[in-house]
Amino acid sequence: VIIDAVRSMASGFIFTTSIPPSTAAGALRSVKILKVKPEKRF
């Protein structure tokens, strides 16, 4: 419900072009890698 409210009312989200698909894809891969690679954090 919080996400839906921000999504529906925040002008900084509504009125701007979204990040490129390639950026989202790279971020997705990075998040997935770091989820299972704690040795990088160590």
ModelCIF file with pLDDT and N, C-alpha, C, O atoms, coordinates in Angstrom:
data_MODEL
#
_entry.id   MODEL 
#
_entity.id                         1 
_entity.type                       polymer 
_entity.pdbx_number_of_molecules   1 
#
_entity_poly.entity_id                      1 
_entity_poly.type                           'polypeptide(L)' 
_entity_poly.nstd_linkage                   no 
_entity_poly.nstd_monomer                   no 
_entity_poly.pdbx_seq_one_letter_code       VIIDAVRSMASGFIFTTSIPPSTAAGALRSVKILKVKPEKRF 
_entity_poly.pdbx_seq_one_letter_code_can   VIIDAVRSMASGFIFTTSIPPSTAAGALRSVKILKVKPEKRF 
_entity_poly.pdbx_strand_id                 A 
#
loop_
_entity_poly_seq.entity_id 
_entity_poly_seq.num 
_entity_poly_seq.mon_id 
_entity_poly_seq.hetero 
1 1  VAL n 
1 2  ILE n 
1 3  ILE n 
1 4  ASP n 
1 5  ALA n 
1 6  VAL n 
1 7  ARG n 
1 8  SER n 
1 9  MET n 
1 10 ALA n 
1 11 SER n 
1 12 GLY n 
1 13 PHE n 
1 14 ILE n 
1 15 PHE n 
1 16 THR n 
1 17 THR n 
1 18 SER n 
1 19 ILE n 
1 20 PRO n 
1 21 PRO n 
1 22 SER n 
1 23 THR n 
1 24 ALA n 
1 25 ALA n 
1 26 GLY n 
1 27 ALA n 
1 28 LEU n 
1 29 ARG n 
1 30 SER n 
1 31 VAL n 
1 32 LYS n 
1 33 ILE n 
1 34 LEU n 
1 35 LYS n 
1 36 VAL n 
1 37 LYS n 
1 38 PRO n 
1 39 GLU n 
1 40 LYS n 
1 41 ARG n 
1 42 PHE n 
#
_struct_asym.id          A 
_struct_asym.entity_id   1 
#
loop_
_ma_qa_metric.id 
_ma_qa_metric.mode 
_ma_qa_metric.name 
_ma_qa_metric.software_group_id 
_ma_qa_metric.type 
1 global pLDDT . pLDDT 
2 local  pLDDT . pLDDT 
#
_ma_qa_metric_global.metric_id      1 
_ma_qa_metric_global.metric_value   97.64 
_ma_qa_metric_global.model_id       1 
_ma_qa_metric_global.ordinal_id     1 
#
loop_
_ma_qa_metric_local.label_asym_id 
_ma_qa_metric_local.label_comp_id 
_ma_qa_metric_local.label_seq_id 
_ma_qa_metric_local.metric_id 
_ma_qa_metric_local.metric_value 
_ma_qa_metric_local.model_id 
_ma_qa_metric_local.ordinal_id 
A VAL 1  2 98.00 1 1  
A ILE 2  2 98.00 1 2  
A ILE 3  2 98.00 1 3  
A ASP 4  2 98.00 1 4  
A ALA 5  2 98.00 1 5  
A VAL 6  2 98.00 1 6  
A ARG 7  2 98.00 1 7  
A SER 8  2 98.00 1 8  
A MET 9  2 98.00 1 9  
A ALA 10 2 98.00 1 10 
A SER 11 2 97.00 1 11 
A GLY 12 2 97.00 1 12 
A PHE 13 2 98.00 1 13 
A ILE 14 2 98.00 1 14 
A PHE 15 2 97.00 1 15 
A THR 16 2 97.00 1 16 
A THR 17 2 98.00 1 17 
A SER 18 2 98.00 1 18 
A ILE 19 2 98.00 1 19 
A PRO 20 2 98.00 1 20 
A PRO 21 2 98.00 1 21 
A SER 22 2 98.00 1 22 
A THR 23 2 98.00 1 23 
A ALA 24 2 98.00 1 24 
A ALA 25 2 98.00 1 25 
A GLY 26 2 98.00 1 26 
A ALA 27 2 98.00 1 27 
A LEU 28 2 98.00 1 28 
A ARG 29 2 98.00 1 29 
A SER 30 2 98.00 1 30 
A VAL 31 2 98.00 1 31 
A LYS 32 2 98.00 1 32 
A ILE 33 2 98.00 1 33 
A LEU 34 2 98.00 1 34 
A LYS 35 2 98.00 1 35 
A VAL 36 2 97.00 1 36 
A LYS 37 2 95.00 1 37 
A PRO 38 2 96.00 1 38 
A GLU 39 2 97.00 1 39 
A LYS 40 2 96.00 1 40 
A ARG 41 2 97.00 1 41 
A PHE 42 2 97.00 1 42 
#
loop_
_atom_site.group_PDB 
_atom_site.id 
_atom_site.type_symbol 
_atom_site.label_atom_id 
_atom_site.label_alt_id 
_atom_site.label_comp_id 
_atom_site.label_asym_id 
_atom_site.label_entity_id 
_atom_site.label_seq_id 
_atom_site.pdbx_PDB_ins_code 
_atom_site.Cartn_x 
_atom_site.Cartn_y 
_atom_site.Cartn_z 
_atom_site.occupancy 
_atom_site.B_iso_or_equiv 
_atom_site.pdbx_formal_charge 
_atom_site.auth_seq_id 
_atom_site.auth_comp_id 
_atom_site.auth_asym_id 
_atom_site.auth_atom_id 
_atom_site.pdbx_PDB_model_num 
ATOM 1   N N  . VAL A 1 1  ? 0.822  -1.206  0.000   1.00 98.00 ? 1  VAL A N  1 
ATOM 2   C CA . VAL A 1 1  ? 0.000  0.000   0.000   1.00 98.00 ? 1  VAL A CA 1 
ATOM 3   C C  . VAL A 1 1  ? 0.861  1.264   0.000   1.00 98.00 ? 1  VAL A C  1 
ATOM 4   O O  . VAL A 1 1  ? 0.483  2.269   -0.603  1.00 98.00 ? 1  VAL A O  1 
ATOM 5   N N  . ILE A 1 2  ? 2.008  1.223   0.667   1.00 98.00 ? 2  ILE A N  1 
ATOM 6   C CA . ILE A 1 2  ? 2.904  2.380   0.670   1.00 98.00 ? 2  ILE A CA 1 
ATOM 7   C C  . ILE A 1 2  ? 3.488  2.591   -0.717  1.00 98.00 ? 2  ILE A C  1 
ATOM 8   O O  . ILE A 1 2  ? 3.508  3.714   -1.221  1.00 98.00 ? 2  ILE A O  1 
ATOM 9   N N  . ILE A 1 3  ? 3.959  1.526   -1.331  1.00 98.00 ? 3  ILE A N  1 
ATOM 10  C CA . ILE A 1 3  ? 4.522  1.631   -2.677  1.00 98.00 ? 3  ILE A CA 1 
ATOM 11  C C  . ILE A 1 3  ? 3.478  2.136   -3.656  1.00 98.00 ? 3  ILE A C  1 
ATOM 12  O O  . ILE A 1 3  ? 3.776  2.974   -4.507  1.00 98.00 ? 3  ILE A O  1 
ATOM 13  N N  . ASP A 1 4  ? 2.259  1.633   -3.543  1.00 98.00 ? 4  ASP A N  1 
ATOM 14  C CA . ASP A 1 4  ? 1.201  2.040   -4.460  1.00 98.00 ? 4  ASP A CA 1 
ATOM 15  C C  . ASP A 1 4  ? 0.887  3.527   -4.307  1.00 98.00 ? 4  ASP A C  1 
ATOM 16  O O  . ASP A 1 4  ? 0.637  4.215   -5.297  1.00 98.00 ? 4  ASP A O  1 
ATOM 17  N N  . ALA A 1 5  ? 0.899  4.020   -3.071  1.00 98.00 ? 5  ALA A N  1 
ATOM 18  C CA . ALA A 1 5  ? 0.625  5.441   -2.835  1.00 98.00 ? 5  ALA A CA 1 
ATOM 19  C C  . ALA A 1 5  ? 1.726  6.319   -3.422  1.00 98.00 ? 5  ALA A C  1 
ATOM 20  O O  . ALA A 1 5  ? 1.437  7.325   -4.070  1.00 98.00 ? 5  ALA A O  1 
ATOM 21  N N  . VAL A 1 6  ? 2.985  5.946   -3.201  1.00 98.00 ? 6  VAL A N  1 
ATOM 22  C CA . VAL A 1 6  ? 4.098  6.724   -3.759  1.00 98.00 ? 6  VAL A CA 1 
ATOM 23  C C  . VAL A 1 6  ? 4.070  6.664   -5.280  1.00 98.00 ? 6  VAL A C  1 
ATOM 24  O O  . VAL A 1 6  ? 4.255  7.682   -5.948  1.00 98.00 ? 6  VAL A O  1 
ATOM 25  N N  . ARG A 1 7  ? 3.843  5.493   -5.819  1.00 98.00 ? 7  ARG A N  1 
ATOM 26  C CA . ARG A 1 7  ? 3.776  5.305   -7.272  1.00 98.00 ? 7  ARG A CA 1 
ATOM 27  C C  . ARG A 1 7  ? 2.696  6.181   -7.904  1.00 98.00 ? 7  ARG A C  1 
ATOM 28  O O  . ARG A 1 7  ? 2.852  6.678   -9.020  1.00 98.00 ? 7  ARG A O  1 
ATOM 29  N N  . SER A 1 8  ? 1.607  6.357   -7.176  1.00 98.00 ? 8  SER A N  1 
ATOM 30  C CA . SER A 1 8  ? 0.452  7.077   -7.708  1.00 98.00 ? 8  SER A CA 1 
ATOM 31  C C  . SER A 1 8  ? 0.519  8.584   -7.516  1.00 98.00 ? 8  SER A C  1 
ATOM 32  O O  . SER A 1 8  ? -0.187 9.324   -8.201  1.00 98.00 ? 8  SER A O  1 
ATOM 33  N N  . MET A 1 9  ? 1.374  9.061   -6.574  1.00 98.00 ? 9  MET A N  1 
ATOM 34  C CA . MET A 1 9  ? 1.305  10.470  -6.198  1.00 98.00 ? 9  MET A CA 1 
ATOM 35  C C  . MET A 1 9  ? 2.618  11.237  -6.277  1.00 98.00 ? 9  MET A C  1 
ATOM 36  O O  . MET A 1 9  ? 2.596  12.468  -6.282  1.00 98.00 ? 9  MET A O  1 
ATOM 37  N N  . ALA A 1 10 ? 3.756  10.561  -6.339  1.00 98.00 ? 10 ALA A N  1 
ATOM 38  C CA . ALA A 1 10 ? 5.055  11.250  -6.300  1.00 98.00 ? 10 ALA A CA 1 
ATOM 39  C C  . ALA A 1 10 ? 5.437  11.764  -7.687  1.00 98.00 ? 10 ALA A C  1 
ATOM 40  O O  . ALA A 1 10 ? 5.655  10.978  -8.608  1.00 98.00 ? 10 ALA A O  1 
ATOM 41  N N  . SER A 1 11 ? 5.514  13.070  -7.827  1.00 97.00 ? 11 SER A N  1 
ATOM 42  C CA . SER A 1 11 ? 5.817  13.652  -9.142  1.00 97.00 ? 11 SER A CA 1 
ATOM 43  C C  . SER A 1 11 ? 7.207  13.269  -9.632  1.00 97.00 ? 11 SER A C  1 
ATOM 44  O O  . SER A 1 11 ? 7.423  13.148  -10.838 1.00 97.00 ? 11 SER A O  1 
ATOM 45  N N  . GLY A 1 12 ? 8.156  13.075  -8.712  1.00 97.00 ? 12 GLY A N  1 
ATOM 46  C CA . GLY A 1 12 ? 9.507  12.685  -9.110  1.00 97.00 ? 12 GLY A CA 1 
ATOM 47  C C  . GLY A 1 12 ? 9.577  11.307  -9.713  1.00 97.00 ? 12 GLY A C  1 
ATOM 48  O O  . GLY A 1 12 ? 10.554 10.970  -10.381 1.00 97.00 ? 12 GLY A O  1 
ATOM 49  N N  . PHE A 1 13 ? 8.549  10.499  -9.487  1.00 98.00 ? 13 PHE A N  1 
ATOM 50  C CA . PHE A 1 13 ? 8.437  9.201   -10.131 1.00 98.00 ? 13 PHE A CA 1 
ATOM 51  C C  . PHE A 1 13 ? 7.583  9.272   -11.388 1.00 98.00 ? 13 PHE A C  1 
ATOM 52  O O  . PHE A 1 13 ? 7.914  8.668   -12.408 1.00 98.00 ? 13 PHE A O  1 
ATOM 53  N N  . ILE A 1 14 ? 6.481  10.013  -11.310 1.00 98.00 ? 14 ILE A N  1 
ATOM 54  C CA . ILE A 1 14 ? 5.495  10.024  -12.390 1.00 98.00 ? 14 ILE A CA 1 
ATOM 55  C C  . ILE A 1 14 ? 6.000  10.721  -13.644 1.00 98.00 ? 14 ILE A C  1 
ATOM 56  O O  . ILE A 1 14 ? 5.817  10.220  -14.754 1.00 98.00 ? 14 ILE A O  1 
ATOM 57  N N  . PHE A 1 15 ? 6.637  11.884  -13.469 1.00 97.00 ? 15 PHE A N  1 
ATOM 58  C CA . PHE A 1 15 ? 6.899  12.764  -14.607 1.00 97.00 ? 15 PHE A CA 1 
ATOM 59  C C  . PHE A 1 15 ? 8.341  12.715  -15.107 1.00 97.00 ? 15 PHE A C  1 
ATOM 60  O O  . PHE A 1 15 ? 8.916  13.750  -15.443 1.00 97.00 ? 15 PHE A O  1 
ATOM 61  N N  . THR A 1 16 ? 8.922  11.530  -15.158 1.00 97.00 ? 16 THR A N  1 
ATOM 62  C CA . THR A 1 16 ? 10.280 11.424  -15.700 1.00 97.00 ? 16 THR A CA 1 
ATOM 63  C C  . THR A 1 16 ? 10.442 10.093  -16.417 1.00 97.00 ? 16 THR A C  1 
ATOM 64  O O  . THR A 1 16 ? 9.807  9.098   -16.066 1.00 97.00 ? 16 THR A O  1 
ATOM 65  N N  . THR A 1 17 ? 11.299 10.093  -17.422 1.00 98.00 ? 17 THR A N  1 
ATOM 66  C CA . THR A 1 17 ? 11.591 8.868   -18.157 1.00 98.00 ? 17 THR A CA 1 
ATOM 67  C C  . THR A 1 17 ? 12.252 7.850   -17.235 1.00 98.00 ? 17 THR A C  1 
ATOM 68  O O  . THR A 1 17 ? 13.110 8.214   -16.431 1.00 98.00 ? 17 THR A O  1 
ATOM 69  N N  . SER A 1 18 ? 11.873 6.608   -17.339 1.00 98.00 ? 18 SER A N  1 
ATOM 70  C CA . SER A 1 18 ? 12.436 5.561   -16.488 1.00 98.00 ? 18 SER A CA 1 
ATOM 71  C C  . SER A 1 18 ? 13.865 5.228   -16.903 1.00 98.00 ? 18 SER A C  1 
ATOM 72  O O  . SER A 1 18 ? 14.301 5.569   -18.003 1.00 98.00 ? 18 SER A O  1 
ATOM 73  N N  . ILE A 1 19 ? 14.583 4.561   -16.012 1.00 98.00 ? 19 ILE A N  1 
ATOM 74  C CA . ILE A 1 19 ? 15.963 4.185   -16.330 1.00 98.00 ? 19 ILE A CA 1 
ATOM 75  C C  . ILE A 1 19 ? 15.970 3.251   -17.534 1.00 98.00 ? 19 ILE A C  1 
ATOM 76  O O  . ILE A 1 19 ? 14.998 2.525   -17.748 1.00 98.00 ? 19 ILE A O  1 
ATOM 77  N N  . PRO A 1 20 ? 17.044 3.250   -18.328 1.00 98.00 ? 20 PRO A N  1 
ATOM 78  C CA . PRO A 1 20 ? 17.101 2.391   -19.518 1.00 98.00 ? 20 PRO A CA 1 
ATOM 79  C C  . PRO A 1 20 ? 16.970 0.908   -19.159 1.00 98.00 ? 20 PRO A C  1 
ATOM 80  O O  . PRO A 1 20 ? 17.385 0.495   -18.076 1.00 98.00 ? 20 PRO A O  1 
ATOM 81  N N  . PRO A 1 21 ? 16.402 0.117   -20.050 1.00 98.00 ? 21 PRO A N  1 
ATOM 82  C CA . PRO A 1 21 ? 16.297 -1.326  -19.804 1.00 98.00 ? 21 PRO A CA 1 
ATOM 83  C C  . PRO A 1 21 ? 17.651 -1.967  -19.504 1.00 98.00 ? 21 PRO A C  1 
ATOM 84  O O  . PRO A 1 21 ? 17.746 -2.862  -18.664 1.00 98.00 ? 21 PRO A O  1 
ATOM 85  N N  . SER A 1 22 ? 18.695 -1.509  -20.190 1.00 98.00 ? 22 SER A N  1 
ATOM 86  C CA . SER A 1 22 ? 20.026 -2.082  -19.969 1.00 98.00 ? 22 SER A CA 1 
ATOM 87  C C  . SER A 1 22 ? 20.532 -1.789  -18.564 1.00 98.00 ? 22 SER A C  1 
ATOM 88  O O  . SER A 1 22 ? 21.214 -2.620  -17.964 1.00 98.00 ? 22 SER A O  1 
ATOM 89  N N  . THR A 1 23 ? 20.205 -0.619  -18.036 1.00 98.00 ? 23 THR A N  1 
ATOM 90  C CA . THR A 1 23 ? 20.590 -0.276  -16.667 1.00 98.00 ? 23 THR A CA 1 
ATOM 91  C C  . THR A 1 23 ? 19.863 -1.177  -15.678 1.00 98.00 ? 23 THR A C  1 
ATOM 92  O O  . THR A 1 23 ? 20.464 -1.686  -14.733 1.00 98.00 ? 23 THR A O  1 
ATOM 93  N N  . ALA A 1 24 ? 18.571 -1.371  -15.900 1.00 98.00 ? 24 ALA A N  1 
ATOM 94  C CA . ALA A 1 24 ? 17.796 -2.261  -15.031 1.00 98.00 ? 24 ALA A CA 1 
ATOM 95  C C  . ALA A 1 24 ? 18.332 -3.688  -15.099 1.00 98.00 ? 24 ALA A C  1 
ATOM 96  O O  . ALA A 1 24 ? 18.405 -4.380  -14.083 1.00 98.00 ? 24 ALA A O  1 
ATOM 97  N N  . ALA A 1 25 ? 18.705 -4.121  -16.295 1.00 98.00 ? 25 ALA A N  1 
ATOM 98  C CA . ALA A 1 25 ? 19.226 -5.484  -16.474 1.00 98.00 ? 25 ALA A CA 1 
ATOM 99  C C  . ALA A 1 25 ? 20.566 -5.650  -15.757 1.00 98.00 ? 25 ALA A C  1 
ATOM 100 O O  . ALA A 1 25 ? 20.806 -6.667  -15.105 1.00 98.00 ? 25 ALA A O  1 
ATOM 101 N N  . GLY A 1 26 ? 21.432 -4.652  -15.879 1.00 98.00 ? 26 GLY A N  1 
ATOM 102 C CA . GLY A 1 26 ? 22.721 -4.718  -15.196 1.00 98.00 ? 26 GLY A CA 1 
ATOM 103 C C  . GLY A 1 26 ? 22.554 -4.711  -13.689 1.00 98.00 ? 26 GLY A C  1 
ATOM 104 O O  . GLY A 1 26 ? 23.229 -5.457  -12.979 1.00 98.00 ? 26 GLY A O  1 
ATOM 105 N N  . ALA A 1 27 ? 21.652 -3.867  -13.199 1.00 98.00 ? 27 ALA A N  1 
ATOM 106 C CA . ALA A 1 27 ? 21.398 -3.811  -11.755 1.00 98.00 ? 27 ALA A CA 1 
ATOM 107 C C  . ALA A 1 27 ? 20.822 -5.131  -11.250 1.00 98.00 ? 27 ALA A C  1 
ATOM 108 O O  . ALA A 1 27 ? 21.203 -5.621  -10.187 1.00 98.00 ? 27 ALA A O  1 
ATOM 109 N N  . LEU A 1 28 ? 19.905 -5.694  -12.019 1.00 98.00 ? 28 LEU A N  1 
ATOM 110 C CA . LEU A 1 28 ? 19.305 -6.980  -11.652 1.00 98.00 ? 28 LEU A CA 1 
ATOM 111 C C  . LEU A 1 28 ? 20.368 -8.058  -11.507 1.00 98.00 ? 28 LEU A C  1 
ATOM 112 O O  . LEU A 1 28 ? 20.361 -8.823  -10.542 1.00 98.00 ? 28 LEU A O  1 
ATOM 113 N N  . ARG A 1 29 ? 21.277 -8.115  -12.466 1.00 98.00 ? 29 ARG A N  1 
ATOM 114 C CA . ARG A 1 29 ? 22.352 -9.106  -12.407 1.00 98.00 ? 29 ARG A CA 1 
ATOM 115 C C  . ARG A 1 29 ? 23.257 -8.857  -11.204 1.00 98.00 ? 29 ARG A C  1 
ATOM 116 O O  . ARG A 1 29 ? 23.664 -9.795  -10.519 1.00 98.00 ? 29 ARG A O  1 
ATOM 117 N N  . SER A 1 30 ? 23.561 -7.605  -10.958 1.00 98.00 ? 30 SER A N  1 
ATOM 118 C CA . SER A 1 30 ? 24.448 -7.248  -9.852  1.00 98.00 ? 30 SER A CA 1 
ATOM 119 C C  . SER A 1 30 ? 23.824 -7.628  -8.505  1.00 98.00 ? 30 SER A C  1 
ATOM 120 O O  . SER A 1 30 ? 24.499 -8.195  -7.646  1.00 98.00 ? 30 SER A O  1 
ATOM 121 N N  . VAL A 1 31 ? 22.547 -7.317  -8.322  1.00 98.00 ? 31 VAL A N  1 
ATOM 122 C CA . VAL A 1 31 ? 21.854 -7.669  -7.076  1.00 98.00 ? 31 VAL A CA 1 
ATOM 123 C C  . VAL A 1 31 ? 21.861 -9.180  -6.877  1.00 98.00 ? 31 VAL A C  1 
ATOM 124 O O  . VAL A 1 31 ? 22.117 -9.665  -5.775  1.00 98.00 ? 31 VAL A O  1 
ATOM 125 N N  . LYS A 1 32 ? 21.581 -9.915  -7.939  1.00 98.00 ? 32 LYS A N  1 
ATOM 126 C CA . LYS A 1 32 ? 21.556 -11.373 -7.841  1.00 98.00 ? 32 LYS A CA 1 
ATOM 127 C C  . LYS A 1 32 ? 22.918 -11.937 -7.482  1.00 98.00 ? 32 LYS A C  1 
ATOM 128 O O  . LYS A 1 32 ? 23.013 -12.860 -6.675  1.00 98.00 ? 32 LYS A O  1 
ATOM 129 N N  . ILE A 1 33 ? 23.974 -11.392 -8.073  1.00 98.00 ? 33 ILE A N  1 
ATOM 130 C CA . ILE A 1 33 ? 25.330 -11.876 -7.789  1.00 98.00 ? 33 ILE A CA 1 
ATOM 131 C C  . ILE A 1 33 ? 25.681 -11.646 -6.322  1.00 98.00 ? 33 ILE A C  1 
ATOM 132 O O  . ILE A 1 33 ? 26.165 -12.549 -5.640  1.00 98.00 ? 33 ILE A O  1 
ATOM 133 N N  . LEU A 1 34 ? 25.430 -10.421 -5.845  1.00 98.00 ? 34 LEU A N  1 
ATOM 134 C CA . LEU A 1 34 ? 25.833 -10.092 -4.477  1.00 98.00 ? 34 LEU A CA 1 
ATOM 135 C C  . LEU A 1 34 ? 24.975 -10.786 -3.432  1.00 98.00 ? 34 LEU A C  1 
ATOM 136 O O  . LEU A 1 34 ? 25.389 -10.918 -2.280  1.00 98.00 ? 34 LEU A O  1 
ATOM 137 N N  . LYS A 1 35 ? 23.793 -11.227 -3.818  1.00 98.00 ? 35 LYS A N  1 
ATOM 138 C CA . LYS A 1 35 ? 22.979 -12.013 -2.880  1.00 98.00 ? 35 LYS A CA 1 
ATOM 139 C C  . LYS A 1 35 ? 23.680 -13.315 -2.495  1.00 98.00 ? 35 LYS A C  1 
ATOM 140 O O  . LYS A 1 35 ? 23.540 -13.787 -1.366  1.00 98.00 ? 35 LYS A O  1 
ATOM 141 N N  . VAL A 1 36 ? 24.426 -13.888 -3.420  1.00 97.00 ? 36 VAL A N  1 
ATOM 142 C CA . VAL A 1 36 ? 25.020 -15.219 -3.193  1.00 97.00 ? 36 VAL A CA 1 
ATOM 143 C C  . VAL A 1 36 ? 26.539 -15.184 -3.132  1.00 97.00 ? 36 VAL A C  1 
ATOM 144 O O  . VAL A 1 36 ? 27.177 -16.237 -3.127  1.00 97.00 ? 36 VAL A O  1 
ATOM 145 N N  . LYS A 1 37 ? 27.133 -13.990 -3.086  1.00 95.00 ? 37 LYS A N  1 
ATOM 146 C CA . LYS A 1 37 ? 28.592 -13.858 -3.050  1.00 95.00 ? 37 LYS A CA 1 
ATOM 147 C C  . LYS A 1 37 ? 29.028 -13.053 -1.827  1.00 95.00 ? 37 LYS A C  1 
ATOM 148 O O  . LYS A 1 37 ? 29.559 -11.953 -1.976  1.00 95.00 ? 37 LYS A O  1 
ATOM 149 N N  . PRO A 1 38 ? 28.814 -13.581 -0.623  1.00 96.00 ? 38 PRO A N  1 
ATOM 150 C CA . PRO A 1 38 ? 29.211 -12.826 0.573   1.00 96.00 ? 38 PRO A CA 1 
ATOM 151 C C  . PRO A 1 38 ? 30.713 -12.606 0.670   1.00 96.00 ? 38 PRO A C  1 
ATOM 152 O O  . PRO A 1 38 ? 31.162 -11.705 1.379   1.00 96.00 ? 38 PRO A O  1 
ATOM 153 N N  . GLU A 1 39 ? 31.497 -13.423 -0.037  1.00 97.00 ? 39 GLU A N  1 
ATOM 154 C CA . GLU A 1 39 ? 32.952 -13.259 0.025   1.00 97.00 ? 39 GLU A CA 1 
ATOM 155 C C  . GLU A 1 39 ? 33.397 -11.892 -0.472  1.00 97.00 ? 39 GLU A C  1 
ATOM 156 O O  . GLU A 1 39 ? 34.438 -11.390 -0.048  1.00 97.00 ? 39 GLU A O  1 
ATOM 157 N N  . LYS A 1 40 ? 32.617 -11.279 -1.372  1.00 96.00 ? 40 LYS A N  1 
ATOM 158 C CA . LYS A 1 40 ? 32.947 -9.934  -1.813  1.00 96.00 ? 40 LYS A CA 1 
ATOM 159 C C  . LYS A 1 40 ? 32.813 -8.936  -0.662  1.00 96.00 ? 40 LYS A C  1 
ATOM 160 O O  . LYS A 1 40 ? 33.623 -8.020  -0.522  1.00 96.00 ? 40 LYS A O  1 
ATOM 161 N N  . ARG A 1 41 ? 31.781 -9.127  0.155   1.00 97.00 ? 41 ARG A N  1 
ATOM 162 C CA . ARG A 1 41 ? 31.604 -8.264  1.317   1.00 97.00 ? 41 ARG A CA 1 
ATOM 163 C C  . ARG A 1 41 ? 32.702 -8.480  2.356   1.00 97.00 ? 41 ARG A C  1 
ATOM 164 O O  . ARG A 1 41 ? 33.196 -7.523  2.953   1.00 97.00 ? 41 ARG A O  1 
ATOM 165 N N  . PHE A 1 42 ? 33.083 -9.744  2.569   1.00 97.00 ? 42 PHE A N  1 
ATOM 166 C CA . PHE A 1 42 ? 34.138 -10.040 3.535   1.00 97.00 ? 42 PHE A CA 1 
ATOM 167 C C  . PHE A 1 42 ? 35.460 -9.394  3.105   1.00 97.00 ? 42 PHE A C  1 
ATOM 168 O O  . PHE A 1 42 ? 36.469 -9.533  3.796   1.00 97.00 ? 42 PHE A O  1 
#
